[in-house]
Every structure is written in structure tokens, then in C-alpha cells.
Amino acid sequence: MAERPEDLNLPNAVITRIIKEALPDGVNVSKEARRAISQAASVFVLYATSCSNNFAMKAKRKTLNAGDVLAAMEEMEFERFLEPLREALEVYKKGQKGKKEVSEQKRKDKEKKADSENDKSREEEEEDEEERMEEEPEAENEAEEDEEEEEEEVEN
């Protein structure tokens, strides 16, 4: 939990950006009003979290999920926000699914690349092995010929 009450406040930059997006151009908001909105938003988040937690606890879970938040919004009598929240959740899920598919494709491409590089290195190793195999009989033949010559010299 937070050590100080100020730790529970949302960042001022976030609050300012939300306020600017919500209001028409040319409307100014005082620091005092921004602070009040920030505190109200923090209280709302805490309340929504507490209500969501109650739903999770009733279901004997420790993790809050989107269903808990939607049920909490209904319990808090914010029904008019349910549909926009559901739509935003769907957009989020689709975005996450797209990211997952992209990362999966990247992983597969990386594996294919690694496999092809491994195949190339195996081919090179096999070629090197074949060259060594070809060179070894030649070296053995030369060694045998040298031995035969030495034996002939010894006999003479």
C-alpha cells in the first residue's frame, strides 16, 4: 500500500493531458482545479478497485479481471460507461492479439534463420569432412610408398 496519501494521486501530466483532450481549445483550467480533478480521479480509481476486489474475493480469486471491473462499474451505478468500456476492452484485446501474432511470427522467422544457418554450417562441416577423407587416403598412400622405398633401399 502507499506510504503517503500523495502517492495515491495520478501523475499531473496524465491528468493535464486527459483534461486537455476532454475540453475544447481555449479553455483554461487552474492549478487548483487540476489538483481537485486529480484527487477525485484517484478516489474514483481506489473505489473502483475496492469494488472490483470484492467481486474477485467473492469468486475466491486474488486477481482482478475485466469482468470484476465491469461488475464494479455497474454496482457503482456507472452503467452508462459499461458499453464504452467493453468496446475499449475489445480494442485492447485485438491489439494484444495482433502483437502476440507479430512476436510469434518474428520468433518463427528467427528459428528458420537459425535452422538455415545451422544447415549451412553442417553442410560446410560435411564438405570439410569429405575433403579430409579424400586427403587421408592420399596421405596413407604416400606413407606406404615411402615405406616401400625405404624397404627397397634397406634391401639394396
Protein backbone atom coordinates (compact mmCIF):
# COMPACT_ATOMS: atom_id res chain seq x y z
CA MET A 1 0.00 0.00 0.00
CA ALA A 2 1.09 3.61 -0.36
CA GLU A 3 3.15 5.19 2.39
CA ARG A 4 1.73 8.69 1.91
CA PRO A 5 -1.67 9.86 0.64
CA GLU A 6 0.07 11.81 -2.17
CA ASP A 7 1.44 8.52 -3.51
CA LEU A 8 -2.11 7.57 -4.46
CA ASN A 9 -2.54 10.54 -6.80
CA LEU A 10 -2.30 10.09 -10.53
CA PRO A 11 0.60 11.86 -12.28
CA ASN A 12 -0.12 15.53 -13.07
CA ALA A 13 1.00 15.14 -16.69
CA VAL A 14 -1.57 12.41 -17.24
CA ILE A 15 -4.35 14.44 -15.62
CA THR A 16 -3.43 17.53 -17.65
CA ARG A 17 -3.45 15.54 -20.91
CA ILE A 18 -6.85 13.99 -20.13
CA ILE A 19 -8.30 17.40 -19.24
CA LYS A 20 -6.96 18.97 -22.46
CA GLU A 21 -8.41 16.16 -24.57
CA ALA A 22 -11.81 16.46 -22.85
CA LEU A 23 -12.21 20.21 -23.16
CA PRO A 24 -12.47 22.40 -26.26
CA ASP A 25 -9.50 24.52 -27.32
CA GLY A 26 -9.08 27.80 -25.50
CA VAL A 27 -10.48 26.58 -22.18
CA ASN A 28 -8.03 27.06 -19.34
CA VAL A 29 -8.00 25.06 -16.10
CA SER A 30 -6.43 26.45 -12.94
CA LYS A 31 -3.85 24.51 -10.93
CA GLU A 32 -6.36 24.23 -8.11
CA ALA A 33 -8.96 22.71 -10.43
CA ARG A 34 -6.39 20.27 -11.88
CA ARG A 35 -5.43 19.22 -8.36
CA ALA A 36 -9.09 18.69 -7.41
CA ILE A 37 -9.70 16.64 -10.57
CA SER A 38 -6.56 14.62 -9.84
CA GLN A 39 -7.69 13.83 -6.32
CA ALA A 40 -11.21 12.98 -7.49
CA ALA A 41 -9.77 10.65 -10.16
CA SER A 42 -7.56 8.97 -7.56
CA VAL A 43 -10.54 8.44 -5.23
CA PHE A 44 -12.56 7.03 -8.13
CA VAL A 45 -9.77 4.59 -9.06
CA LEU A 46 -9.42 3.46 -5.45
CA TYR A 47 -13.18 2.98 -5.08
CA ALA A 48 -13.47 1.08 -8.39
CA THR A 49 -10.52 -1.10 -7.37
CA SER A 50 -12.06 -1.84 -3.98
CA CYS A 51 -15.41 -2.80 -5.53
CA SER A 52 -13.65 -4.92 -8.17
CA ASN A 53 -11.66 -6.64 -5.44
CA ASN A 54 -14.90 -7.53 -3.64
CA PHE A 55 -16.11 -9.35 -6.76
CA ALA A 56 -12.81 -11.19 -7.08
CA MET A 57 -12.92 -12.19 -3.40
CA LYS A 58 -16.49 -13.49 -3.77
CA ALA A 59 -15.21 -15.68 -6.61
CA LYS A 60 -12.31 -16.78 -4.35
CA ARG A 61 -9.68 -15.21 -6.60
CA LYS A 62 -6.81 -12.92 -5.80
CA THR A 63 -6.51 -11.50 -9.29
CA LEU A 64 -8.90 -8.82 -10.54
CA ASN A 65 -10.08 -9.27 -14.09
CA ALA A 66 -12.03 -7.15 -16.56
CA GLY A 67 -15.30 -8.81 -15.56
CA ASP A 68 -14.74 -7.72 -11.96
CA VAL A 69 -14.21 -4.13 -13.08
CA LEU A 70 -17.32 -4.16 -15.27
CA ALA A 71 -19.40 -5.61 -12.42
CA ALA A 72 -18.00 -2.96 -10.07
CA MET A 73 -18.92 -0.18 -12.50
CA GLU A 74 -22.47 -1.48 -12.56
CA GLU A 75 -22.59 -1.74 -8.77
CA MET A 76 -21.26 1.83 -8.52
CA GLU A 77 -24.14 2.88 -10.81
CA PHE A 78 -21.93 3.82 -13.76
CA GLU A 79 -23.92 1.69 -16.22
CA ARG A 80 -23.59 4.26 -18.98
CA PHE A 81 -19.84 3.60 -19.07
CA LEU A 82 -20.19 -0.17 -19.44
CA GLU A 83 -20.60 -0.26 -23.23
CA PRO A 84 -17.69 2.13 -23.94
CA LEU A 85 -15.56 0.08 -21.51
CA ARG A 86 -16.48 -3.17 -23.26
CA GLU A 87 -15.61 -1.65 -26.63
CA ALA A 88 -12.29 -0.36 -25.32
CA LEU A 89 -11.57 -3.79 -23.86
CA GLU A 90 -12.23 -5.44 -27.23
CA VAL A 91 -9.93 -2.99 -28.99
CA TYR A 92 -7.25 -3.70 -26.38
CA LYS A 93 -7.64 -7.48 -26.77
CA LYS A 94 -7.40 -7.24 -30.56
CA GLY A 95 -4.27 -5.10 -30.23
CA GLN A 96 -2.72 -7.60 -27.83
CA LYS A 97 -3.62 -10.48 -30.13
CA GLY A 98 -2.01 -8.65 -33.05
CA LYS A 99 1.14 -8.02 -31.02
CA LYS A 100 1.23 -11.67 -29.98
CA GLU A 101 0.89 -12.82 -33.60
CA VAL A 102 3.66 -10.45 -34.71
CA SER A 103 6.01 -11.63 -31.98
CA GLU A 104 5.17 -15.27 -32.76
CA GLN A 105 5.95 -14.67 -36.44
CA LYS A 106 9.24 -12.99 -35.52
CA ARG A 107 10.13 -15.97 -33.32
CA LYS A 108 9.35 -18.41 -36.16
CA ASP A 109 11.39 -16.35 -38.63
CA LYS A 110 14.28 -16.29 -36.18
CA GLU A 111 14.08 -20.08 -35.76
CA LYS A 112 14.01 -20.57 -39.54
CA LYS A 113 17.03 -18.33 -39.93
CA ALA A 114 18.90 -20.19 -37.18
CA ASP A 115 17.95 -23.54 -38.75
CA SER A 116 19.16 -22.44 -42.19
CA GLU A 117 22.41 -21.17 -40.69
CA ASN A 118 22.82 -24.48 -38.85
CA ASP A 119 22.15 -26.34 -42.11
CA LYS A 120 24.79 -24.24 -43.88
CA SER A 121 27.35 -24.87 -41.15
CA ARG A 122 26.52 -28.61 -41.22
CA GLU A 123 26.99 -28.64 -44.99
CA GLU A 124 30.33 -26.88 -44.62
CA GLU A 125 31.40 -29.35 -41.94
CA GLU A 126 30.37 -32.27 -44.14
CA GLU A 127 32.31 -30.81 -47.07
CA ASP A 128 35.35 -30.32 -44.84
CA GLU A 129 35.00 -33.91 -43.61
CA GLU A 130 34.77 -35.19 -47.18
CA GLU A 131 37.90 -33.24 -48.13
CA ARG A 132 39.74 -34.69 -45.12
CA MET A 133 38.58 -38.17 -46.05
CA GLU A 134 39.88 -37.68 -49.59
CA GLU A 135 43.20 -36.31 -48.32
CA GLU A 136 43.72 -39.13 -45.79
CA PRO A 137 43.92 -41.97 -48.35
CA GLU A 138 46.38 -39.89 -50.39
CA ALA A 139 48.47 -39.32 -47.30
CA GLU A 140 48.26 -43.05 -46.45
CA ASN A 141 49.28 -43.99 -49.99
CA GLU A 142 52.23 -41.61 -49.84
CA ALA A 143 53.26 -43.02 -46.47
CA GLU A 144 53.05 -46.59 -47.83
CA GLU A 145 55.08 -45.61 -50.87
CA ASP A 146 57.71 -44.01 -48.62
CA GLU A 147 57.88 -47.17 -46.52
CA GLU A 148 58.24 -49.33 -49.63
CA GLU A 149 61.03 -47.10 -50.92
CA GLU A 150 62.78 -47.27 -47.56
CA GLU A 151 62.45 -51.07 -47.54
CA GLU A 152 63.89 -51.26 -51.04
CA GLU A 153 66.76 -49.05 -50.01
CA VAL A 154 67.40 -51.21 -46.96
CA GLU A 155 67.36 -54.34 -49.11
CA ASN A 156 69.82 -52.83 -51.55
